[in-house]
C-alpha atoms as a PDB file:
ATOM      1  CA  MET A   1       0.000   0.000   0.000  1.00  0.00           C
ATOM      2  CA  LEU A   2       2.805   2.438   0.883  1.00  0.00           C
ATOM      3  CA  PRO A   3       4.599   2.081  -2.526  1.00  0.00           C
ATOM      4  CA  LEU A   4       1.290   2.734  -4.306  1.00  0.00           C
ATOM      5  CA  LEU A   5       0.686   5.832  -2.163  1.00  0.00           C
ATOM      6  CA  LEU A   6       4.177   7.158  -2.884  1.00  0.00           C
ATOM      7  CA  ARG A   7       3.804   6.518  -6.625  1.00  0.00           C
ATOM      8  CA  THR A   8       0.460   8.334  -6.642  1.00  0.00           C
ATOM      9  CA  ILE A   9       1.867  11.376  -4.832  1.00  0.00           C
ATOM     10  CA  ILE A  10       4.948  11.552  -7.088  1.00  0.00           C
ATOM     11  CA  LEU A  11       2.910  11.306 -10.296  1.00  0.00           C
ATOM     12  CA  TYR A  12       0.342  13.804  -9.012  1.00  0.00           C
ATOM     13  CA  LEU A  13       3.017  16.393  -8.258  1.00  0.00           C
ATOM     14  CA  PHE A  14       4.841  15.710 -11.522  1.00  0.00           C
ATOM     15  CA  LEU A  15       1.676  15.992 -13.646  1.00  0.00           C
ATOM     16  CA  GLY A  16       0.731  19.204 -11.836  1.00  0.00           C
ATOM     17  CA  LEU A  17       4.118  20.668 -12.721  1.00  0.00           C
ATOM     18  CA  ALA A  18       3.800  19.511 -16.330  1.00  0.00           C
ATOM     19  CA  MET A  19       0.346  21.065 -16.737  1.00  0.00           C
ATOM     20  CA  ARG A  20       1.553  24.372 -15.275  1.00  0.00           C
ATOM     21  CA  LEU A  21       4.530  24.474 -17.641  1.00  0.00           C
ATOM     22  CA  MET A  22       2.309  23.786 -20.649  1.00  0.00           C
ATOM     23  CA  GLY A  23       0.068  26.731 -19.719  1.00  0.00           C
ATOM     24  CA  LYS A  24      -3.357  27.503 -18.265  1.00  0.00           C
ATOM     25  CA  ARG A  25      -5.038  26.820 -21.598  1.00  0.00           C
ATOM     26  CA  GLN A  26      -4.630  23.123 -20.834  1.00  0.00           C
ATOM     27  CA  LEU A  27      -7.202  23.507 -18.063  1.00  0.00           C
ATOM     28  CA  ALA A  28      -9.826  25.705 -19.671  1.00  0.00           C
ATOM     29  CA  GLN A  29      -9.420  25.966 -23.460  1.00  0.00           C
ATOM     30  CA  LEU A  30      -8.305  22.645 -24.847  1.00  0.00           C
ATOM     31  CA  GLU A  31      -7.524  22.599 -28.545  1.00  0.00           C
ATOM     32  CA  MET A  32      -7.217  19.357 -30.479  1.00  0.00           C
ATOM     33  CA  SER A  33      -3.483  18.835 -29.951  1.00  0.00           C
ATOM     34  CA  GLU A  34      -3.784  19.818 -26.286  1.00  0.00           C
ATOM     35  CA  LEU A  35      -6.683  17.401 -25.745  1.00  0.00           C
ATOM     36  CA  ILE A  36      -4.642  14.568 -27.268  1.00  0.00           C
ATOM     37  CA  THR A  37      -1.693  15.440 -25.040  1.00  0.00           C
ATOM     38  CA  THR A  38      -3.896  15.541 -21.937  1.00  0.00           C
ATOM     39  CA  LEU A  39      -5.417  12.136 -22.715  1.00  0.00           C
ATOM     40  CA  LEU A  40      -1.987  10.617 -23.286  1.00  0.00           C
ATOM     41  CA  LEU A  41      -0.705  12.083 -20.020  1.00  0.00           C
ATOM     42  CA  SER A  42      -3.514  10.433 -18.083  1.00  0.00           C
ATOM     43  CA  GLU A  43      -2.848   7.062 -19.725  1.00  0.00           C
ATOM     44  CA  LEU A  44       0.893   7.244 -19.095  1.00  0.00           C
ATOM     45  CA  ALA A  45       0.384   8.204 -15.458  1.00  0.00           C
ATOM     46  CA  ALA A  46      -1.965   5.252 -14.929  1.00  0.00           C
ATOM     47  CA  LEU A  47       0.541   2.619 -16.096  1.00  0.00           C
ATOM     48  CA  PRO A  48       2.854   2.519 -13.035  1.00  0.00           C
ATOM     49  CA  LEU A  49      -0.157   2.821 -10.729  1.00  0.00           C
ATOM     50  CA  GLU A  50      -1.872  -0.244 -12.176  1.00  0.00           C
ATOM     51  CA  ASN A  51       1.280  -2.350 -12.436  1.00  0.00           C
ATOM     52  CA  HIS A  52       3.874  -2.050  -9.668  1.00  0.00           C
ATOM     53  CA  ASP A  53       6.447  -3.855 -11.818  1.00  0.00           C
ATOM     54  CA  ILE A  54       6.617  -0.886 -14.214  1.00  0.00           C
ATOM     55  CA  PRO A  55       9.266   1.631 -13.062  1.00  0.00           C
ATOM     56  CA  LEU A  56       8.192   5.260 -12.578  1.00  0.00           C
ATOM     57  CA  LEU A  57      10.664   6.341 -15.250  1.00  0.00           C
ATOM     58  CA  TYR A  58       8.546   4.520 -17.839  1.00  0.00           C
ATOM     59  CA  ALA A  59       5.872   7.140 -17.183  1.00  0.00           C
ATOM     60  CA  ILE A  60       8.036  10.162 -16.351  1.00  0.00           C
ATOM     61  CA  VAL A  61      10.186  10.028 -19.511  1.00  0.00           C
ATOM     62  CA  PRO A  62       7.215   9.894 -21.959  1.00  0.00           C
ATOM     63  CA  ILE A  63       5.439  12.633 -19.979  1.00  0.00           C
ATOM     64  CA  LEU A  64       8.544  14.830 -20.249  1.00  0.00           C
ATOM     65  CA  THR A  65       8.690  14.089 -23.993  1.00  0.00           C
ATOM     66  CA  LEU A  66       5.043  15.057 -24.542  1.00  0.00           C
ATOM     67  CA  MET A  67       5.427  18.152 -22.410  1.00  0.00           C
ATOM     68  CA  SER A  68       8.507  19.256 -24.378  1.00  0.00           C
ATOM     69  CA  PHE A  69       6.781  18.598 -27.702  1.00  0.00           C
ATOM     70  CA  GLU A  70       3.707  20.633 -26.684  1.00  0.00           C
ATOM     71  CA  ILE A  71       5.815  23.576 -25.479  1.00  0.00           C
ATOM     72  CA  ILE A  72       7.987  23.536 -28.621  1.00  0.00           C
ATOM     73  CA  HIS A  73       4.885  23.311 -30.811  1.00  0.00           C
ATOM     74  CA  SER A  74       3.305  26.320 -29.076  1.00  0.00           C
ATOM     75  CA  VAL A  75       6.505  28.367 -29.401  1.00  0.00           C
ATOM     76  CA  LEU A  76       6.809  27.537 -33.114  1.00  0.00           C
ATOM     77  CA  LEU A  77       3.215  28.603 -33.756  1.00  0.00           C
ATOM     78  CA  VAL A  78       3.917  31.961 -32.096  1.00  0.00           C
ATOM     79  CA  GLN A  79       7.285  32.548 -33.789  1.00  0.00           C
ATOM     80  CA  MET A  80       6.416  31.226 -37.268  1.00  0.00           C
ATOM     81  CA  PRO A  81       3.285  32.816 -38.804  1.00  0.00           C
ATOM     82  CA  ARG A  82       3.518  30.591 -41.901  1.00  0.00           C
ATOM     83  CA  LEU A  83       3.215  27.490 -39.768  1.00  0.00           C
ATOM     84  CA  ARG A  84       0.264  29.039 -37.973  1.00  0.00           C
ATOM     85  CA  ARG A  85      -1.503  29.778 -41.263  1.00  0.00           C
ATOM     86  CA  ARG A  86      -1.192  26.141 -42.306  1.00  0.00           C
ATOM     87  CA  ASP A  87      -2.996  25.035 -39.172  1.00  0.00           C
ATOM     88  CA  ARG A  88      -6.404  23.860 -40.379  1.00  0.00           C
ATOM     89  CA  ASN A  89      -7.946  24.259 -36.953  1.00  0.00           C
ATOM     90  CA  THR A  90      -9.043  27.881 -37.418  1.00  0.00           C
ATOM     91  CA  PRO A  91     -12.156  29.770 -36.260  1.00  0.00           C
ATOM     92  CA  SER A  92     -15.246  29.399 -38.451  1.00  0.00           C
ATOM     93  CA  LEU A  93     -17.852  32.075 -39.196  1.00  0.00           C
ATOM     94  CA  LEU A  94     -21.180  30.283 -38.773  1.00  0.00           C
ATOM     95  CA  ILE A  95     -23.158  33.536 -38.997  1.00  0.00           C
ATOM     96  CA  CYS A  96     -21.716  36.412 -41.016  1.00  0.00           C
ATOM     97  CA  ARG A  97     -23.449  39.802 -41.206  1.00  0.00           C
ATOM     98  CA  GLY A  98     -26.694  38.250 -39.993  1.00  0.00           C
ATOM     99  CA  GLU A  99     -26.681  35.398 -42.541  1.00  0.00           C
ATOM    100  CA  ILE A 100     -26.192  31.739 -41.582  1.00  0.00           C
ATOM    101  CA  ASP A 101     -23.356  30.172 -43.590  1.00  0.00           C
ATOM    102  CA  ARG A 102     -24.674  26.725 -44.514  1.00  0.00           C
ATOM    103  CA  ASP A 103     -21.353  25.610 -45.985  1.00  0.00           C
ATOM    104  CA  GLU A 104     -19.527  26.358 -42.720  1.00  0.00           C
ATOM    105  CA  LEU A 105     -22.180  24.443 -40.795  1.00  0.00           C
ATOM    106  CA  ARG A 106     -21.664  21.422 -43.049  1.00  0.00           C
ATOM    107  CA  ASN A 107     -17.864  21.709 -42.860  1.00  0.00           C
ATOM    108  CA  ASN A 108     -18.059  21.642 -39.064  1.00  0.00           C
ATOM    109  CA  ARG A 109     -20.705  18.881 -39.101  1.00  0.00           C
ATOM    110  CA  LEU A 110     -23.226  21.031 -37.264  1.00  0.00           C
ATOM    111  CA  THR A 111     -26.997  21.092 -37.715  1.00  0.00           C
ATOM    112  CA  PRO A 112     -29.155  24.226 -37.412  1.00  0.00           C
ATOM    113  CA  GLU A 113     -30.642  22.744 -34.228  1.00  0.00           C
ATOM    114  CA  GLU A 114     -27.163  22.540 -32.649  1.00  0.00           C
ATOM    115  CA  LEU A 115     -26.421  26.129 -33.690  1.00  0.00           C
ATOM    116  CA  PHE A 116     -29.685  27.402 -32.216  1.00  0.00           C
ATOM    117  CA  SER A 117     -29.034  25.454 -29.024  1.00  0.00           C
ATOM    118  CA  ALA A 118     -25.609  27.089 -28.684  1.00  0.00           C
ATOM    119  CA  LEU A 119     -27.186  30.511 -29.260  1.00  0.00           C
ATOM    120  CA  ARG A 120     -29.780  29.877 -26.549  1.00  0.00           C
ATOM    121  CA  GLN A 121     -26.942  29.107 -24.142  1.00  0.00           C
ATOM    122  CA  GLN A 122     -25.717  32.630 -24.936  1.00  0.00           C
ATOM    123  CA  SER A 123     -29.186  33.973 -23.959  1.00  0.00           C
ATOM    124  CA  ILE A 124     -30.133  34.596 -27.597  1.00  0.00           C
ATOM    125  CA  ALA A 125     -33.536  33.170 -28.542  1.00  0.00           C
ATOM    126  CA  ASP A 126     -33.726  34.598 -32.082  1.00  0.00           C
ATOM    127  CA  PRO A 127     -30.873  33.971 -34.575  1.00  0.00           C
ATOM    128  CA  CYS A 128     -31.969  37.109 -36.442  1.00  0.00           C
ATOM    129  CA  GLU A 129     -30.506  39.156 -33.564  1.00  0.00           C
ATOM    130  CA  VAL A 130     -26.974  37.900 -34.340  1.00  0.00           C
ATOM    131  CA  GLU A 131     -24.518  39.803 -36.523  1.00  0.00           C
ATOM    132  CA  TYR A 132     -21.616  37.341 -36.163  1.00  0.00           C
ATOM    133  CA  ALA A 133     -21.300  33.883 -34.613  1.00  0.00           C
ATOM    134  CA  VAL A 134     -17.799  32.416 -34.556  1.00  0.00           C
ATOM    135  CA  LEU A 135     -16.970  28.808 -33.757  1.00  0.00           C
ATOM    136  CA  GLU A 136     -13.634  29.171 -31.975  1.00  0.00           C
ATOM    137  CA  LYS A 137     -10.690  26.773 -32.157  1.00  0.00           C
ATOM    138  CA  ASN A 138     -11.508  25.342 -28.728  1.00  0.00           C
ATOM    139  CA  GLY A 139     -15.113  24.539 -29.741  1.00  0.00           C
ATOM    140  CA  SER A 140     -16.833  27.431 -27.956  1.00  0.00           C
ATOM    141  CA  LEU A 141     -19.213  29.779 -29.760  1.00  0.00           C
ATOM    142  CA  SER A 142     -18.568  33.536 -29.675  1.00  0.00           C
ATOM    143  CA  VAL A 143     -21.606  35.665 -30.476  1.00  0.00           C
ATOM    144  CA  ILE A 144     -21.716  39.349 -31.481  1.00  0.00           C
ATOM    145  CA  PRO A 145     -25.316  40.651 -31.498  1.00  0.00           C
ATOM    146  CA  LYS A 146     -26.584  43.236 -33.930  1.00  0.00           C
ATOM    147  CA  ALA A 147     -26.327  46.819 -32.711  1.00  0.00           C
ATOM    148  CA  ALA A 148     -30.061  47.071 -32.045  1.00  0.00           C
ATOM    149  CA  TYR A 149     -29.964  44.095 -29.693  1.00  0.00           C
ATOM    150  CA  ARG A 150     -26.798  44.834 -27.744  1.00  0.00           C
ATOM    151  CA  PRO A 151     -27.191  45.827 -24.084  1.00  0.00           C
ATOM    152  CA  ALA A 152     -27.063  49.583 -23.551  1.00  0.00           C
ATOM    153  CA  VAL A 153     -23.939  50.942 -21.874  1.00  0.00           C
ATOM    154  CA  PRO A 154     -23.335  54.397 -20.315  1.00  0.00           C
ATOM    155  CA  ALA A 155     -21.430  55.494 -23.419  1.00  0.00           C
ATOM    156  CA  ASP A 156     -24.613  55.024 -25.489  1.00  0.00           C
ATOM    157  CA  ILE A 157     -26.364  57.770 -23.520  1.00  0.00           C
ATOM    158  CA  GLY A 158     -23.338  60.023 -23.211  1.00  0.00           C
ATOM    159  CA  ARG A 159     -22.610  59.330 -19.550  1.00  0.00           C
ATOM    160  CA  ASP A 160     -19.160  59.103 -18.048  1.00  0.00           C
ATOM    161  CA  VAL A 161     -18.728  56.367 -15.451  1.00  0.00           C
ATOM    162  CA  ALA A 162     -15.761  56.280 -13.074  1.00  0.00           C
ATOM    163  CA  GLU A 163     -13.593  53.199 -13.243  1.00  0.00           C
ATOM    164  CA  GLU A 164     -13.739  51.175 -10.039  1.00  0.00           C
ATOM    165  CA  GLY A 165     -11.346  48.412 -11.066  1.00  0.00           C
ATOM    166  CA  MET A 166     -11.834  45.059  -9.389  1.00  0.00           C
ATOM    167  CA  MET A 167     -12.349  43.828  -5.838  1.00  0.00           C
ATOM    168  CA  HIS A 168      -9.222  42.715  -3.960  1.00  0.00           C
ATOM    169  CA  LEU A 169      -9.447  40.272  -1.064  1.00  0.00           C
ATOM    170  CA  LEU A 170      -7.590  41.791   1.878  1.00  0.00           C
ATOM    171  CA  ILE A 171      -8.784  39.567   4.737  1.00  0.00           C
ATOM    172  CA  SER A 172      -9.973  35.977   4.525  1.00  0.00           C
ATOM    173  CA  ASP A 173     -11.012  34.109   7.669  1.00  0.00           C
ATOM    174  CA  GLY A 174      -9.190  36.694   9.762  1.00  0.00           C
ATOM    175  CA  VAL A 175      -5.927  36.296   7.808  1.00  0.00           C
ATOM    176  CA  ILE A 176      -4.468  39.463   6.258  1.00  0.00           C
ATOM    177  CA  HIS A 177      -3.191  39.204   2.680  1.00  0.00           C
ATOM    178  CA  ASP A 178      -0.107  41.417   2.739  1.00  0.00           C
ATOM    179  CA  ARG A 179       0.665  40.881  -0.941  1.00  0.00           C
ATOM    180  CA  THR A 180      -2.756  42.230  -1.941  1.00  0.00           C
ATOM    181  CA  LEU A 181      -2.234  45.217   0.348  1.00  0.00           C
ATOM    182  CA  CYS A 182       1.029  45.984  -1.452  1.00  0.00           C
ATOM    183  CA  GLU A 183      -0.733  45.760  -4.829  1.00  0.00           C
ATOM    184  CA  LEU A 184      -3.174  48.427  -3.618  1.00  0.00           C
ATOM    185  CA  GLY A 185      -0.316  50.556  -2.307  1.00  0.00           C
ATOM    186  CA  GLN A 186      -1.498  50.242   1.291  1.00  0.00           C
ATOM    187  CA  ASP A 187      -0.159  48.735   4.510  1.00  0.00           C
ATOM    188  CA  ARG A 188      -1.465  47.130   7.701  1.00  0.00           C
ATOM    189  CA  ALA A 189      -1.750  50.484   9.454  1.00  0.00           C
ATOM    190  CA  TRP A 190      -4.261  51.629   6.816  1.00  0.00           C
ATOM    191  CA  LEU A 191      -6.123  48.339   7.117  1.00  0.00           C
ATOM    192  CA  ASN A 192      -6.321  48.620  10.893  1.00  0.00           C
ATOM    193  CA  ARG A 193      -7.668  52.175  10.612  1.00  0.00           C
ATOM    194  CA  ILE A 194     -10.574  51.256   8.328  1.00  0.00           C
ATOM    195  CA  CYS A 195     -11.389  48.272  10.537  1.00  0.00           C
ATOM    196  CA  GLU A 196     -11.382  50.422  13.690  1.00  0.00           C
ATOM    197  CA  LYS A 197     -13.778  52.920  12.078  1.00  0.00           C
ATOM    198  CA  ARG A 198     -16.320  50.104  11.837  1.00  0.00           C
ATOM    199  CA  GLY A 199     -15.495  48.730  15.272  1.00  0.00           C
ATOM    200  CA  TYR A 200     -13.716  45.620  14.028  1.00  0.00           C
ATOM    201  CA  THR A 201     -10.313  44.017  14.288  1.00  0.00           C
ATOM    202  CA  PRO A 202      -8.959  41.924  11.380  1.00  0.00           C
ATOM    203  CA  GLY A 203      -9.663  38.770  13.390  1.00  0.00           C
ATOM    204  CA  ASP A 204     -13.371  39.728  13.635  1.00  0.00           C
ATOM    205  CA  LEU A 205     -13.829  39.594   9.868  1.00  0.00           C
ATOM    206  CA  TYR A 206     -14.673  36.623   7.710  1.00  0.00           C
ATOM    207  CA  CYS A 207     -13.918  38.656   4.620  1.00  0.00           C
ATOM    208  CA  LEU A 208     -12.807  42.187   3.748  1.00  0.00           C
ATOM    209  CA  MET A 209     -12.570  43.377   0.169  1.00  0.00           C
ATOM    210  CA  CYS A 210     -11.606  46.696  -1.404  1.00  0.00           C
ATOM    211  CA  ASN A 211     -11.695  47.856  -5.014  1.00  0.00           C
ATOM    212  CA  ASP A 212      -9.342  50.255  -6.806  1.00  0.00           C
ATOM    213  CA  ALA A 213     -11.679  53.193  -6.095  1.00  0.00           C
ATOM    214  CA  GLY A 214     -11.512  52.591  -2.342  1.00  0.00           C
ATOM    215  CA  ARG A 215     -14.928  50.975  -1.825  1.00  0.00           C
ATOM    216  CA  VAL A 216     -14.695  48.516   1.067  1.00  0.00           C
ATOM    217  CA  ILE A 217     -16.919  45.524   1.809  1.00  0.00           C
ATOM    218  CA  PHE A 218     -16.997  44.109   5.349  1.00  0.00           C
ATOM    219  CA  ILE A 219     -18.319  40.606   6.072  1.00  0.00           C
ATOM    220  CA  PRO A 220     -18.086  39.880   9.813  1.00  0.00           C
ATOM    221  CA  SER A 221     -17.740  36.410  11.265  1.00  0.00           C
ATOM    222  CA  ASP A 222     -19.094  34.889  14.455  1.00  0.00           C
ATOM    223  CA  ARG A 223     -16.955  33.201  17.060  1.00  0.00           C
ATOM    224  CA  LYS A 224     -17.129  29.882  15.196  1.00  0.00           C
ATOM    225  CA  GLY A 225     -15.531  31.486  12.166  1.00  0.00           C
ATOM    226  CA  LYS A 226     -18.667  31.363  10.023  1.00  0.00           C
ATOM    227  CA  ALA A 227     -19.866  34.322   8.015  1.00  0.00           C
ATOM    228  CA  ARG A 228     -22.946  36.006   9.406  1.00  0.00           C
ATOM    229  CA  ARG A 229     -25.319  38.565   8.000  1.00  0.00           C
ATOM    230  CA  PRO A 230     -24.644  42.210   8.913  1.00  0.00           C
ATOM    231  CA  TRP A 231     -26.375  43.590  11.980  1.00  0.00           C
ATOM    232  CA  LYS A 232     -29.741  45.221  11.420  1.00  0.00           C
ATOM    233  CA  GLY A 233     -29.147  48.683  10.032  1.00  0.00           C
ATOM    234  CA  GLU A 234     -25.505  47.949   9.265  1.00  0.00           C
ATOM    235  CA  ASP A 235     -24.323  48.552   5.698  1.00  0.00           C
ATOM    236  CA  PRO A 236     -21.724  45.907   4.734  1.00  0.00           C
ATOM    237  CA  CYS A 237     -20.247  48.303   2.171  1.00  0.00           C
ATOM    238  CA  ALA A 238     -18.318  51.394   3.147  1.00  0.00           C
ATOM    239  CA  PRO A 239     -16.645  54.077   0.986  1.00  0.00           C
END
């Protein structure tokens, strides 16, 4: 049992390193070559786990080879445009200027029902509302609605909206994230001041977030460390 446990831990750590080196696209946006590589990695990792007589190197060496090939292939595609142009796996325009391209549907072996289903998943019930629909290399569908059906934004009515950036997590379960504080250009003294204004200490908070504009969200915790709702009359957000 112990050798099997050690083999599992070693292969888990090694595969995690390999996936990180090959890039985050391996986890979220698998293309054809990346999917093949991922399937092969899982098969190679299973061999020494199923048969204890197979040395770990029989899995590690092929995994290193596949990882190197995938990295080299990605670098060549970036550095050599001609090679990239010869790649047949390119995006396809299924709807162009409001018109469904039947030839592209046939080339991608898609039926109108499958196209309409994909549009409904993008919250579009009527294909006539679509200006462009692009089948991306990873199989996802990107949809650009016609101008009349796009959601209105402040720029459409001539309003200027201040940028607030994104929310940064400063405290989680009472633990201060110093790195995030540095990214905001603040320190613990500043954090303690805003907590004291609300009558808290960092250890009293389940979560504290702040965006680039300085808007702060307090989520207190009870003594058991669970998040609770704000007190009656208490605004969890503070400027």
